[in-house]
């Protein structure tokens, strides 16, 4: 707990910052009042610029997603979150809530105002019958998988161990097990949430079903989620790994086209990436099979590529996930954008590779610090969409769109606008080409996954026909419109 003298001095310093930067005056003046009120609460301890906690609380996997909040706080109970909503209501301050910070846009889980960090919500508990797992929204997937490993169980969760549980479970949730069990949002059983009106409740299909549905892709539009309960599934040894391909990528493209044309195997998942730097592309192939050995012929064309190096083997699930993790540089900045793809034809795969290379040349020419452009191909089967329960984000077997995901990385903040713009241009070319090829649809007919989308994406393009009931529900539980004070895809 900061002493009264320390937090008053911090507020005074913040006031000087406000007067020195008129462009952010409106956002920071109300935030100063909010931070002062947080400092008067014995249960809460605000952190300010220069402290270790503050730097942790505002940090993101991509530094381009971070904003310098006026103060930050780590609540550790629903009651403390209720106090924070009371402060936000009284001061009308901008605010944001962050799990682990794997967001690709600023002003979504970051803010110039009051930053709320969920690190203290790190509880995890397996039910007595071992059919469900309760996870706090401050956990990452490595912690979740590590907890479950001794029990021979798994949940549908993130493909990277450092991705946070909260963001994935409230957005869409592409997973290594999606072909087999659906998206992560399809496998939640309940959620504990503090609503903007101050109510703390547990919602499920049997209680608060409308809120429960809204949380399946609704992100931060309905309150602050403290924990979620997930279905568990048995898991044993799995097969998989990654291969790096250099030189001519024709054979990799051939193998991807061949794989995508086969009937989908629910236990299998594939990701193929073009990685381009200054006009030169290499390939990355990640294969996964839920079992010790994949069916003959399923992945053979990839494993037998003569210009590939790497390792695929039988191993535990957690070893597979951890082997694929690549630590981001401390100064990493990145963003990405998706495009809906119905079928992975040769034409679209080759075009993605061409555009990754072309974009990497533009990055080298127009920026000072661009490091990488990637184009990701993820051929999920139609059955992956059969688990949908009518969630906020529309996804079903009538529209089983996969997603191309284009990512750009750099290091210098001065390059932010240039590289965000190039990412959007890259995405737009892929989407338009897919529409020309008849394997995508124009705006209003396909809906983008929220965690793969740029902040400029119209909310109608994410929630589509569900916007009506989502907006009605939001007005009901947020009569003071506190959610409008945080960023994101506002309904």
Protein backbone atom coordinates (compact mmCIF):
# COMPACT_ATOMS: atom_id res chain seq x y z
CA UNK A 1 0.00 0.00 0.00
CA UNK A 2 1.43 3.42 -0.98
CA UNK A 3 1.57 5.93 1.80
CA UNK A 4 -0.79 8.91 1.45
CA UNK A 5 2.24 11.18 0.84
CA UNK A 6 3.60 8.97 -1.94
CA UNK A 7 0.37 8.66 -3.89
CA UNK A 8 -0.37 12.38 -3.53
CA UNK A 9 3.08 13.13 -4.95
CA UNK A 10 2.38 10.67 -7.79
CA UNK A 11 -0.91 12.41 -8.59
CA UNK A 12 0.87 15.78 -8.52
CA UNK A 13 3.44 14.47 -11.01
CA UNK A 14 0.64 13.15 -13.20
CA UNK A 15 -1.01 16.58 -13.15
CA UNK A 16 2.20 18.08 -14.53
CA UNK A 17 2.12 15.49 -17.32
CA UNK A 18 -1.46 16.44 -18.14
CA UNK A 19 -0.60 20.14 -18.43
CA UNK A 20 2.44 19.31 -20.55
CA UNK A 21 0.46 17.23 -23.07
CA UNK A 22 -2.84 18.98 -23.91
CA UNK A 23 -3.75 16.33 -26.48
CA UNK A 24 -4.45 13.81 -23.74
CA UNK A 25 -5.82 16.28 -21.18
CA UNK A 26 -9.41 15.07 -21.29
CA UNK A 27 -8.41 11.45 -20.80
CA UNK A 28 -5.98 12.13 -17.97
CA UNK A 29 -7.88 14.65 -15.90
CA UNK A 30 -10.59 12.17 -14.97
CA UNK A 31 -7.94 9.46 -14.59
CA UNK A 32 -6.10 11.59 -12.02
CA UNK A 33 -9.26 11.72 -9.92
CA UNK A 34 -9.71 7.96 -10.29
CA UNK A 35 -6.12 7.18 -9.28
CA UNK A 36 -6.49 9.44 -6.24
CA UNK A 37 -9.62 7.56 -5.17
CA UNK A 38 -7.91 4.20 -5.68
CA UNK A 39 -5.15 5.41 -3.38
CA UNK A 40 -7.62 6.06 -0.56
CA UNK A 41 -8.83 2.45 -0.54
CA UNK A 42 -7.01 0.29 1.96
CA UNK A 43 -7.58 -2.83 -0.18
CA UNK A 44 -6.14 -1.31 -3.35
CA UNK A 45 -2.64 -0.05 -4.07
CA UNK A 46 -2.16 2.04 -7.22
CA UNK A 47 1.15 1.85 -9.05
CA UNK A 48 2.71 4.70 -11.02
CA UNK A 49 5.28 5.15 -13.78
CA UNK A 50 8.74 4.10 -12.70
CA UNK A 51 7.61 1.26 -10.44
CA UNK A 52 8.11 -2.41 -11.23
CA UNK A 53 4.41 -3.15 -10.79
CA UNK A 54 3.37 -0.35 -13.15
CA UNK A 55 5.73 -1.52 -15.89
CA UNK A 56 4.37 -5.05 -15.51
CA UNK A 57 0.75 -3.93 -15.50
CA UNK A 58 0.93 -1.92 -18.73
CA UNK A 59 3.23 -4.34 -20.59
CA UNK A 60 2.07 -6.34 -23.61
CA UNK A 61 3.61 -9.01 -25.83
CA UNK A 62 3.69 -6.32 -28.49
CA UNK A 63 4.91 -3.00 -27.13
CA UNK A 64 2.80 -1.32 -29.81
CA UNK A 65 -0.26 -2.46 -27.85
CA UNK A 66 0.81 -0.71 -24.63
CA UNK A 67 -0.25 2.77 -23.55
CA UNK A 68 1.11 4.83 -20.61
CA UNK A 69 -1.77 4.70 -18.16
CA UNK A 70 -1.87 7.29 -15.40
CA UNK A 71 -1.84 4.53 -12.79
CA UNK A 72 -2.39 0.79 -12.58
CA UNK A 73 -3.90 -1.54 -10.03
CA UNK A 74 -3.98 -5.28 -9.37
CA UNK A 75 -7.28 -6.20 -7.69
CA UNK A 76 -7.36 -9.61 -6.03
CA UNK A 77 -11.07 -10.15 -5.34
CA UNK A 78 -14.45 -9.49 -6.97
CA UNK A 79 -15.16 -7.01 -4.18
CA UNK A 80 -12.13 -4.92 -5.20
CA UNK A 81 -13.33 -4.93 -8.81
CA UNK A 82 -16.71 -3.72 -7.57
CA UNK A 83 -14.89 -0.84 -5.86
CA UNK A 84 -13.09 -0.06 -9.11
CA UNK A 85 -16.35 0.07 -11.06
CA UNK A 86 -17.68 2.46 -8.41
CA UNK A 87 -14.65 4.70 -8.91
CA UNK A 88 -14.95 4.53 -12.70
CA UNK A 89 -18.61 5.48 -12.43
CA UNK A 90 -17.87 8.46 -10.17
CA UNK A 91 -14.97 9.83 -12.23
CA UNK A 92 -15.91 8.69 -15.75
CA UNK A 93 -12.27 7.80 -16.29
CA UNK A 94 -10.95 5.82 -19.24
CA UNK A 95 -9.95 2.32 -18.15
CA UNK A 96 -8.75 -1.01 -19.46
CA UNK A 97 -8.48 -4.57 -18.16
CA UNK A 98 -5.57 -6.85 -19.09
CA UNK A 99 -5.00 -10.56 -18.62
CA UNK A 100 -1.58 -11.40 -20.06
CA UNK A 101 -1.49 -8.71 -22.76
CA UNK A 102 -1.33 -10.71 -25.99
CA UNK A 103 -3.47 -8.12 -27.78
CA UNK A 104 -2.66 -6.72 -31.23
CA UNK A 105 -4.22 -3.26 -30.76
CA UNK A 106 -3.62 -0.48 -28.27
CA UNK A 107 -6.58 1.00 -26.39
CA UNK A 108 -8.12 -2.45 -26.03
CA UNK A 109 -6.35 -3.94 -23.03
CA UNK A 110 -4.43 -0.69 -22.50
CA UNK A 111 -5.43 2.88 -21.68
CA UNK A 112 -4.23 6.39 -20.87
CA UNK A 113 -6.39 6.21 -17.75
CA UNK A 114 -6.77 3.47 -15.14
CA UNK A 115 -5.08 0.17 -16.05
CA UNK A 116 -6.52 -2.92 -14.33
CA UNK A 117 -4.20 -5.94 -14.33
CA UNK A 118 -5.66 -9.38 -13.49
CA UNK A 119 -2.44 -11.08 -12.35
CA UNK A 120 -3.79 -11.80 -8.88
CA UNK A 121 -6.61 -13.96 -10.25
CA UNK A 122 -4.39 -17.01 -10.59
CA UNK A 123 -6.61 -19.65 -9.01
CA UNK A 124 -6.90 -23.03 -10.70
CA UNK A 125 -8.93 -26.03 -9.53
CA UNK A 126 -9.98 -29.34 -11.02
CA UNK A 127 -13.49 -30.52 -10.17
CA UNK A 128 -13.91 -33.62 -8.03
CA UNK A 129 -15.12 -35.64 -11.01
CA UNK A 130 -12.27 -34.19 -13.13
CA UNK A 131 -14.69 -33.18 -15.88
CA UNK A 132 -14.12 -29.45 -15.51
CA UNK A 133 -11.36 -27.02 -14.62
CA UNK A 134 -11.76 -23.55 -13.11
CA UNK A 135 -9.08 -21.08 -14.23
CA UNK A 136 -8.43 -17.53 -13.10
CA UNK A 137 -8.11 -14.87 -15.77
CA UNK A 138 -4.57 -14.01 -14.69
CA UNK A 139 -3.19 -17.39 -15.84
CA UNK A 140 -1.42 -18.28 -19.06
CA UNK A 141 -1.87 -21.51 -20.98
CA UNK A 142 1.49 -22.92 -19.95
CA UNK A 143 0.33 -22.77 -16.31
CA UNK A 144 -3.01 -24.37 -17.20
CA UNK A 145 -1.47 -27.22 -19.20
CA UNK A 146 1.20 -27.79 -16.56
CA UNK A 147 -1.46 -28.15 -13.88
CA UNK A 148 -3.45 -30.66 -15.96
CA UNK A 149 -0.54 -32.76 -17.22
CA UNK A 150 -0.23 -35.06 -14.14
CA UNK A 151 -3.94 -35.82 -14.45
CA UNK A 152 -3.76 -36.88 -18.10
CA UNK A 153 -6.23 -34.14 -19.02
CA UNK A 154 -6.42 -31.16 -21.35
CA UNK A 155 -8.70 -28.24 -22.15
CA UNK A 156 -9.22 -26.44 -25.44
CA UNK A 157 -6.85 -23.53 -25.03
CA UNK A 158 -4.07 -21.47 -26.51
CA UNK A 159 -1.43 -22.71 -28.91
CA UNK A 160 1.28 -20.71 -27.15
CA UNK A 161 2.09 -21.27 -23.45
CA UNK A 162 2.56 -17.53 -22.82
CA UNK A 163 -0.82 -16.45 -24.20
CA UNK A 164 -3.30 -15.52 -21.47
CA UNK A 165 -6.38 -17.56 -20.69
CA UNK A 166 -8.71 -14.55 -20.50
CA UNK A 167 -8.26 -13.01 -23.93
CA UNK A 168 -8.50 -16.29 -25.80
CA UNK A 169 -11.54 -17.54 -23.86
CA UNK A 170 -13.45 -14.30 -24.42
CA UNK A 171 -12.66 -13.89 -28.12
CA UNK A 172 -12.73 -16.99 -30.35
CA UNK A 173 -10.12 -19.49 -29.35
CA UNK A 174 -8.32 -21.24 -32.18
CA UNK A 175 -6.55 -24.23 -30.64
CA UNK A 176 -4.59 -27.36 -31.52
CA UNK A 177 -7.72 -29.27 -30.47
CA UNK A 178 -10.25 -27.14 -32.37
CA UNK A 179 -10.83 -29.71 -35.13
CA UNK A 180 -11.62 -32.29 -32.47
CA UNK A 181 -13.60 -30.29 -29.90
CA UNK A 182 -14.37 -26.85 -31.35
CA UNK A 183 -13.14 -23.40 -30.43
CA UNK A 184 -12.18 -22.46 -26.90
CA UNK A 185 -15.35 -20.35 -26.53
CA UNK A 186 -17.39 -23.48 -27.37
CA UNK A 187 -15.95 -25.31 -24.38
CA UNK A 188 -16.59 -22.94 -21.49
CA UNK A 189 -19.09 -24.13 -18.87
CA UNK A 190 -19.45 -21.01 -16.74
CA UNK A 191 -17.87 -17.66 -15.97
CA UNK A 192 -17.54 -15.57 -12.81
CA UNK A 193 -18.01 -11.92 -13.72
CA UNK A 194 -18.38 -8.51 -12.12
CA UNK A 195 -20.94 -6.62 -14.19
CA UNK A 196 -20.64 -2.86 -14.73
CA UNK A 197 -23.68 -2.35 -12.47
CA UNK A 198 -21.63 -3.86 -9.61
CA UNK A 199 -23.23 -7.30 -9.53
CA UNK A 200 -20.89 -10.26 -9.06
CA UNK A 201 -22.42 -13.39 -10.53
CA UNK A 202 -21.70 -16.77 -12.10
CA UNK A 203 -23.24 -17.24 -15.53
CA UNK A 204 -23.77 -20.46 -17.45
CA UNK A 205 -26.28 -22.08 -19.80
CA UNK A 206 -28.55 -22.53 -16.77
CA UNK A 207 -28.14 -19.12 -15.13
CA UNK A 208 -27.65 -15.81 -16.90
CA UNK A 209 -27.57 -17.63 -20.24
CA UNK A 210 -27.76 -14.40 -22.24
CA UNK A 211 -24.63 -13.02 -20.55
CA UNK A 212 -22.92 -16.40 -20.85
CA UNK A 213 -23.53 -16.42 -24.63
CA UNK A 214 -22.38 -12.81 -24.90
CA UNK A 215 -19.05 -13.66 -23.26
CA UNK A 216 -18.32 -16.19 -26.03
CA UNK A 217 -16.58 -13.67 -28.25
CA UNK A 218 -17.86 -10.56 -26.48
CA UNK A 219 -14.46 -9.64 -25.01
CA UNK A 220 -14.70 -6.75 -22.49
CA UNK A 221 -18.20 -5.58 -23.44
CA UNK A 222 -20.05 -7.02 -20.45
CA UNK A 223 -17.83 -6.59 -17.40
CA UNK A 224 -14.67 -8.01 -15.86
CA UNK A 225 -14.40 -11.79 -15.80
CA UNK A 226 -12.45 -13.20 -12.85
CA UNK A 227 -12.52 -16.92 -13.73
CA UNK A 228 -13.94 -19.39 -16.22
CA UNK A 229 -14.79 -23.07 -15.91
CA UNK A 230 -13.81 -25.26 -18.88
CA UNK A 231 -14.55 -28.76 -20.08
CA UNK A 232 -11.69 -31.20 -19.68
CA UNK A 233 -10.76 -34.03 -22.03
CA UNK A 234 -8.42 -36.99 -21.64
CA UNK A 235 -5.10 -36.79 -23.45
CA UNK A 236 -2.09 -39.05 -23.76
CA UNK A 237 0.99 -38.83 -25.91
CA UNK A 238 0.66 -36.64 -28.99
CA UNK A 239 2.64 -36.44 -32.20
CA UNK A 240 3.91 -33.22 -33.68
CA UNK A 241 6.55 -30.58 -34.05
CA UNK A 242 7.81 -28.00 -36.48
CA UNK A 243 9.85 -27.93 -39.68
CA UNK A 244 11.67 -24.97 -41.19
CA UNK A 245 11.84 -24.85 -45.00
CA UNK A 246 14.45 -22.87 -46.90
CA UNK A 247 15.06 -22.27 -50.57
CA UNK A 248 12.36 -23.17 -53.07
CA UNK A 249 8.97 -23.36 -51.31
CA UNK A 250 7.10 -25.04 -54.20
CA UNK A 251 7.09 -28.48 -52.57
CA UNK A 252 5.78 -26.98 -49.31
CA UNK A 253 2.96 -25.32 -51.24
CA UNK A 254 2.22 -28.60 -53.05
CA UNK A 255 2.01 -30.43 -49.72
CA UNK A 256 -0.29 -27.77 -48.25
CA UNK A 257 -2.65 -27.95 -51.23
CA UNK A 258 -2.70 -31.75 -51.02
CA UNK A 259 -3.38 -31.73 -47.27
CA UNK A 260 -6.14 -29.13 -47.55
CA UNK A 261 -7.95 -31.15 -50.22
CA UNK A 262 -8.15 -34.29 -48.05
CA UNK A 263 -11.12 -35.02 -45.76
CA UNK A 264 -10.37 -33.42 -42.42
CA UNK A 265 -9.08 -35.66 -39.63
CA UNK A 266 -10.49 -34.33 -36.33
CA UNK A 267 -7.41 -35.24 -34.32
CA UNK A 268 -5.08 -33.43 -36.72
CA UNK A 269 -4.16 -29.75 -37.04
CA UNK A 270 -1.77 -28.01 -39.40
CA UNK A 271 -0.34 -24.49 -39.59
CA UNK A 272 1.83 -23.35 -42.50
CA UNK A 273 3.55 -19.95 -42.50
CA UNK A 274 5.45 -17.88 -45.01
CA UNK A 275 8.12 -15.91 -43.12
CA UNK A 276 9.47 -13.03 -45.22
CA UNK A 277 12.34 -10.64 -44.52
CA UNK A 278 13.38 -7.99 -47.03
CA UNK A 279 12.05 -9.92 -50.02
CA UNK A 280 13.18 -13.42 -49.06
CA UNK A 281 10.74 -16.04 -47.74
CA UNK A 282 11.23 -19.19 -45.74
CA UNK A 283 8.57 -21.61 -44.58
CA UNK A 284 7.44 -22.86 -41.19
CA UNK A 285 5.26 -25.97 -40.84
CA UNK A 286 3.70 -26.97 -37.52
CA UNK A 287 1.94 -30.34 -37.36
CA UNK A 288 -0.15 -31.76 -34.53
CA UNK A 289 -1.95 -35.07 -34.04
CA UNK A 290 -3.86 -36.02 -30.88
CA UNK A 291 -2.36 -39.49 -30.56
CA UNK A 292 1.08 -41.11 -30.63
CA UNK A 293 1.12 -41.69 -34.42
CA UNK A 294 -0.81 -39.99 -37.23
CA UNK A 295 -2.49 -42.08 -39.96
CA UNK A 296 -0.13 -43.09 -42.78
CA UNK A 297 0.08 -40.47 -45.49
CA UNK A 298 -1.50 -37.64 -43.50
CA UNK A 299 1.64 -35.55 -42.98
CA UNK A 300 4.14 -37.53 -45.09
CA UNK A 301 4.47 -34.90 -47.81
CA UNK A 302 5.68 -32.40 -45.20
CA UNK A 303 7.93 -34.76 -43.26
CA UNK A 304 9.66 -35.86 -46.47
CA UNK A 305 10.43 -32.36 -47.78
CA UNK A 306 14.12 -32.45 -48.79
CA UNK A 307 14.78 -28.83 -47.82
CA UNK A 308 13.17 -29.00 -44.35
CA UNK A 309 14.86 -29.17 -40.98
CA UNK A 310 13.35 -29.57 -37.54
CA UNK A 311 11.80 -32.22 -35.38
CA UNK A 312 8.50 -34.07 -35.23
CA UNK A 313 8.02 -36.78 -32.66
CA UNK A 314 5.76 -38.43 -30.11
CA UNK A 315 5.73 -36.45 -26.86
CA UNK A 316 3.52 -35.01 -24.14
CA UNK A 317 1.14 -32.21 -25.07
CA UNK A 318 2.85 -29.69 -22.82
CA UNK A 319 6.27 -30.56 -24.30
CA UNK A 320 4.82 -30.04 -27.78
CA UNK A 321 3.41 -26.63 -26.88
CA UNK A 322 6.51 -25.42 -25.06
CA UNK A 323 8.83 -26.52 -27.89
CA UNK A 324 7.02 -24.17 -30.24
CA UNK A 325 7.37 -21.07 -28.07
CA UNK A 326 9.71 -18.34 -29.30
CA UNK A 327 10.44 -15.55 -26.84
CA UNK A 328 9.73 -12.04 -28.11
CA UNK A 329 12.50 -9.46 -27.95
CA UNK A 330 12.07 -6.87 -25.16
CA UNK A 331 11.50 -4.13 -27.77
CA UNK A 332 9.13 -6.23 -29.90
CA UNK A 333 6.30 -4.43 -31.65
CA UNK A 334 3.80 -6.34 -33.76
CA UNK A 335 0.31 -6.38 -35.17
CA UNK A 336 -1.79 -8.70 -37.30
CA UNK A 337 -5.02 -8.92 -39.27
CA UNK A 338 -7.03 -11.85 -40.59
CA UNK A 339 -9.07 -12.58 -43.69
CA UNK A 340 -11.77 -15.29 -43.97
CA UNK A 341 -10.92 -18.13 -46.36
CA UNK A 342 -13.31 -20.97 -47.23
CA UNK A 343 -10.92 -23.24 -49.14
CA UNK A 344 -7.13 -23.30 -49.36
CA UNK A 345 -6.62 -23.46 -53.12
CA UNK A 346 -3.24 -23.32 -54.81
CA UNK A 347 -4.04 -19.84 -56.12
CA UNK A 348 -4.67 -18.31 -52.69
CA UNK A 349 -1.73 -20.08 -51.03
CA UNK A 350 0.68 -18.89 -53.71
CA UNK A 351 -0.79 -15.39 -53.54
CA UNK A 352 -0.29 -15.25 -49.76
CA UNK A 353 3.37 -16.19 -50.25
CA UNK A 354 3.78 -13.54 -52.95
CA UNK A 355 2.14 -10.86 -50.82
CA UNK A 356 4.22 -11.76 -47.76
CA UNK A 357 7.35 -11.19 -49.85
CA UNK A 358 6.00 -8.00 -51.43
CA UNK A 359 4.96 -6.62 -48.04
CA UNK A 360 8.37 -7.42 -46.56
CA UNK A 361 10.01 -5.36 -49.33
CA UNK A 362 7.70 -2.42 -48.55
CA UNK A 363 8.49 -2.81 -44.84
CA UNK A 364 12.22 -2.61 -45.60
CA UNK A 365 11.76 0.39 -47.87
CA UNK A 366 9.32 2.41 -45.76
CA UNK A 367 10.37 1.67 -42.17
CA UNK A 368 13.54 1.88 -40.13
CA UNK A 369 12.99 -1.17 -37.94
CA UNK A 370 10.78 -3.76 -39.65
CA UNK A 371 11.93 -7.28 -38.83
CA UNK A 372 9.42 -9.82 -40.17
CA UNK A 373 6.27 -10.37 -42.22
CA UNK A 374 4.39 -13.65 -41.91
CA UNK A 375 1.41 -15.16 -43.67
CA UNK A 376 -0.31 -17.93 -41.74
CA UNK A 377 -2.49 -20.67 -43.29
CA UNK A 378 -4.71 -22.72 -40.96
CA UNK A 379 -6.86 -25.39 -42.66
CA UNK A 380 -9.50 -26.25 -40.05
CA UNK A 381 -12.23 -28.74 -41.00
CA UNK A 382 -15.95 -28.03 -41.18
CA UNK A 383 -16.53 -30.15 -38.08
CA UNK A 384 -14.64 -27.56 -36.02
CA UNK A 385 -17.64 -25.24 -36.43
CA UNK A 386 -20.25 -27.81 -35.39
CA UNK A 387 -19.70 -27.14 -31.67
CA UNK A 388 -20.98 -23.55 -31.77
CA UNK A 389 -23.73 -22.75 -29.25
CA UNK A 390 -24.95 -19.45 -30.66
CA UNK A 391 -22.14 -17.32 -29.31
CA UNK A 392 -21.65 -13.57 -29.70
CA UNK A 393 -19.11 -14.17 -32.48
CA UNK A 394 -20.94 -15.95 -35.35
CA UNK A 395 -19.31 -19.19 -36.42
CA UNK A 396 -21.18 -22.28 -37.64
CA UNK A 397 -21.10 -25.10 -40.20
CA UNK A 398 -22.96 -22.97 -42.74
CA UNK A 399 -20.01 -20.55 -42.74
CA UNK A 400 -16.92 -22.63 -41.90
CA UNK A 401 -14.41 -19.94 -42.76
CA UNK A 402 -10.79 -20.53 -41.90
CA UNK A 403 -8.57 -17.51 -41.43
CA UNK A 404 -5.49 -16.19 -43.11
CA UNK A 405 -3.52 -14.24 -40.53
CA UNK A 406 -0.92 -11.71 -41.63
CA UNK A 407 1.55 -10.43 -39.04
CA UNK A 408 4.17 -7.67 -39.18
CA UNK A 409 6.90 -7.14 -36.56
CA UNK A 410 9.21 -4.18 -35.89
CA UNK A 411 11.03 -2.42 -33.01
CA UNK A 412 10.86 1.39 -33.38
CA UNK A 413 7.72 3.22 -32.13
CA UNK A 414 8.20 5.81 -34.88
CA UNK A 415 7.32 3.08 -37.39
CA UNK A 416 3.97 2.26 -35.78
CA UNK A 417 1.64 4.02 -38.20
CA UNK A 418 3.54 2.93 -41.31
CA UNK A 419 3.48 -0.72 -40.30
CA UNK A 420 -0.10 -0.75 -39.06
CA UNK A 421 -1.08 0.69 -42.45
CA UNK A 422 0.98 -1.90 -44.33
CA UNK A 423 -0.62 -4.69 -42.27
CA UNK A 424 -4.08 -3.46 -43.25
CA UNK A 425 -3.03 -3.17 -46.91
CA UNK A 426 -1.61 -6.72 -46.79
CA UNK A 427 -4.82 -8.09 -45.28
CA UNK A 428 -7.01 -6.23 -47.78
CA UNK A 429 -5.18 -7.65 -50.78
CA UNK A 430 -5.53 -11.22 -49.50
CA UNK A 431 -9.23 -10.78 -48.73
CA UNK A 432 -9.98 -9.19 -52.11
CA UNK A 433 -8.11 -11.96 -53.92
CA UNK A 434 -10.05 -14.61 -52.00
CA UNK A 435 -13.32 -12.92 -52.96
CA UNK A 436 -12.23 -12.88 -56.62
CA UNK A 437 -11.47 -16.61 -56.38
CA UNK A 438 -14.89 -17.33 -54.87
CA UNK A 439 -13.48 -18.59 -51.56
CA UNK A 440 -14.48 -15.63 -49.42
CA UNK A 441 -17.34 -13.14 -49.25
CA UNK A 442 -17.50 -9.34 -48.97
CA UNK A 443 -18.22 -7.28 -45.88
CA UNK A 444 -21.48 -8.19 -44.19
CA UNK A 445 -21.39 -11.82 -45.30
CA UNK A 446 -18.41 -13.07 -43.27
CA UNK A 447 -17.41 -12.21 -39.72
CA UNK A 448 -13.91 -11.72 -38.42
CA UNK A 449 -12.67 -13.34 -35.19
CA UNK A 450 -12.21 -10.50 -32.68
CA UNK A 451 -8.74 -11.49 -31.49
CA UNK A 452 -7.40 -11.58 -35.05
CA UNK A 453 -8.80 -8.18 -36.07
CA UNK A 454 -7.49 -4.63 -36.29
CA UNK A 455 -9.09 -1.93 -34.17
CA UNK A 456 -10.44 -0.24 -37.31
CA UNK A 457 -12.69 -3.23 -38.02
CA UNK A 458 -16.36 -2.16 -37.82
CA UNK A 459 -18.15 -3.90 -34.99
CA UNK A 460 -20.76 -5.05 -37.51
CA UNK A 461 -18.01 -7.03 -39.23
CA UNK A 462 -17.38 -9.01 -36.04
CA UNK A 463 -20.80 -9.60 -34.49
CA UNK A 464 -23.06 -9.20 -37.53
CA UNK A 465 -26.63 -10.40 -36.91
CA UNK A 466 -25.99 -10.71 -33.18
CA UNK A 467 -25.49 -6.99 -32.62
CA UNK A 468 -29.16 -6.38 -31.82
CA UNK A 469 -29.45 -8.68 -28.84
CA UNK A 470 -25.92 -7.88 -27.68
CA UNK A 471 -26.72 -4.16 -27.55
CA UNK A 472 -29.98 -4.77 -25.71
CA UNK A 473 -28.18 -6.88 -23.12
CA UNK A 474 -25.38 -4.36 -22.73
CA UNK A 475 -27.82 -1.54 -21.95
CA UNK A 476 -29.50 -3.74 -19.35
CA UNK A 477 -26.37 -4.57 -17.35
CA UNK A 478 -24.49 -1.31 -17.96
CA UNK A 479 -26.99 1.51 -17.30
CA UNK A 480 -24.20 4.08 -16.78
CA UNK A 481 -22.40 3.08 -20.01
CA UNK A 482 -19.14 2.40 -18.20
CA UNK A 483 -18.04 0.00 -20.94
CA UNK A 484 -17.88 2.94 -23.36
CA UNK A 485 -14.94 4.24 -21.30
CA UNK A 486 -12.77 1.27 -22.22
CA UNK A 487 -11.44 0.41 -25.66
CA UNK A 488 -12.14 -2.50 -27.95
CA UNK A 489 -14.91 -3.49 -30.32
CA UNK A 490 -17.71 -1.57 -28.62
CA UNK A 491 -21.22 -2.76 -29.25
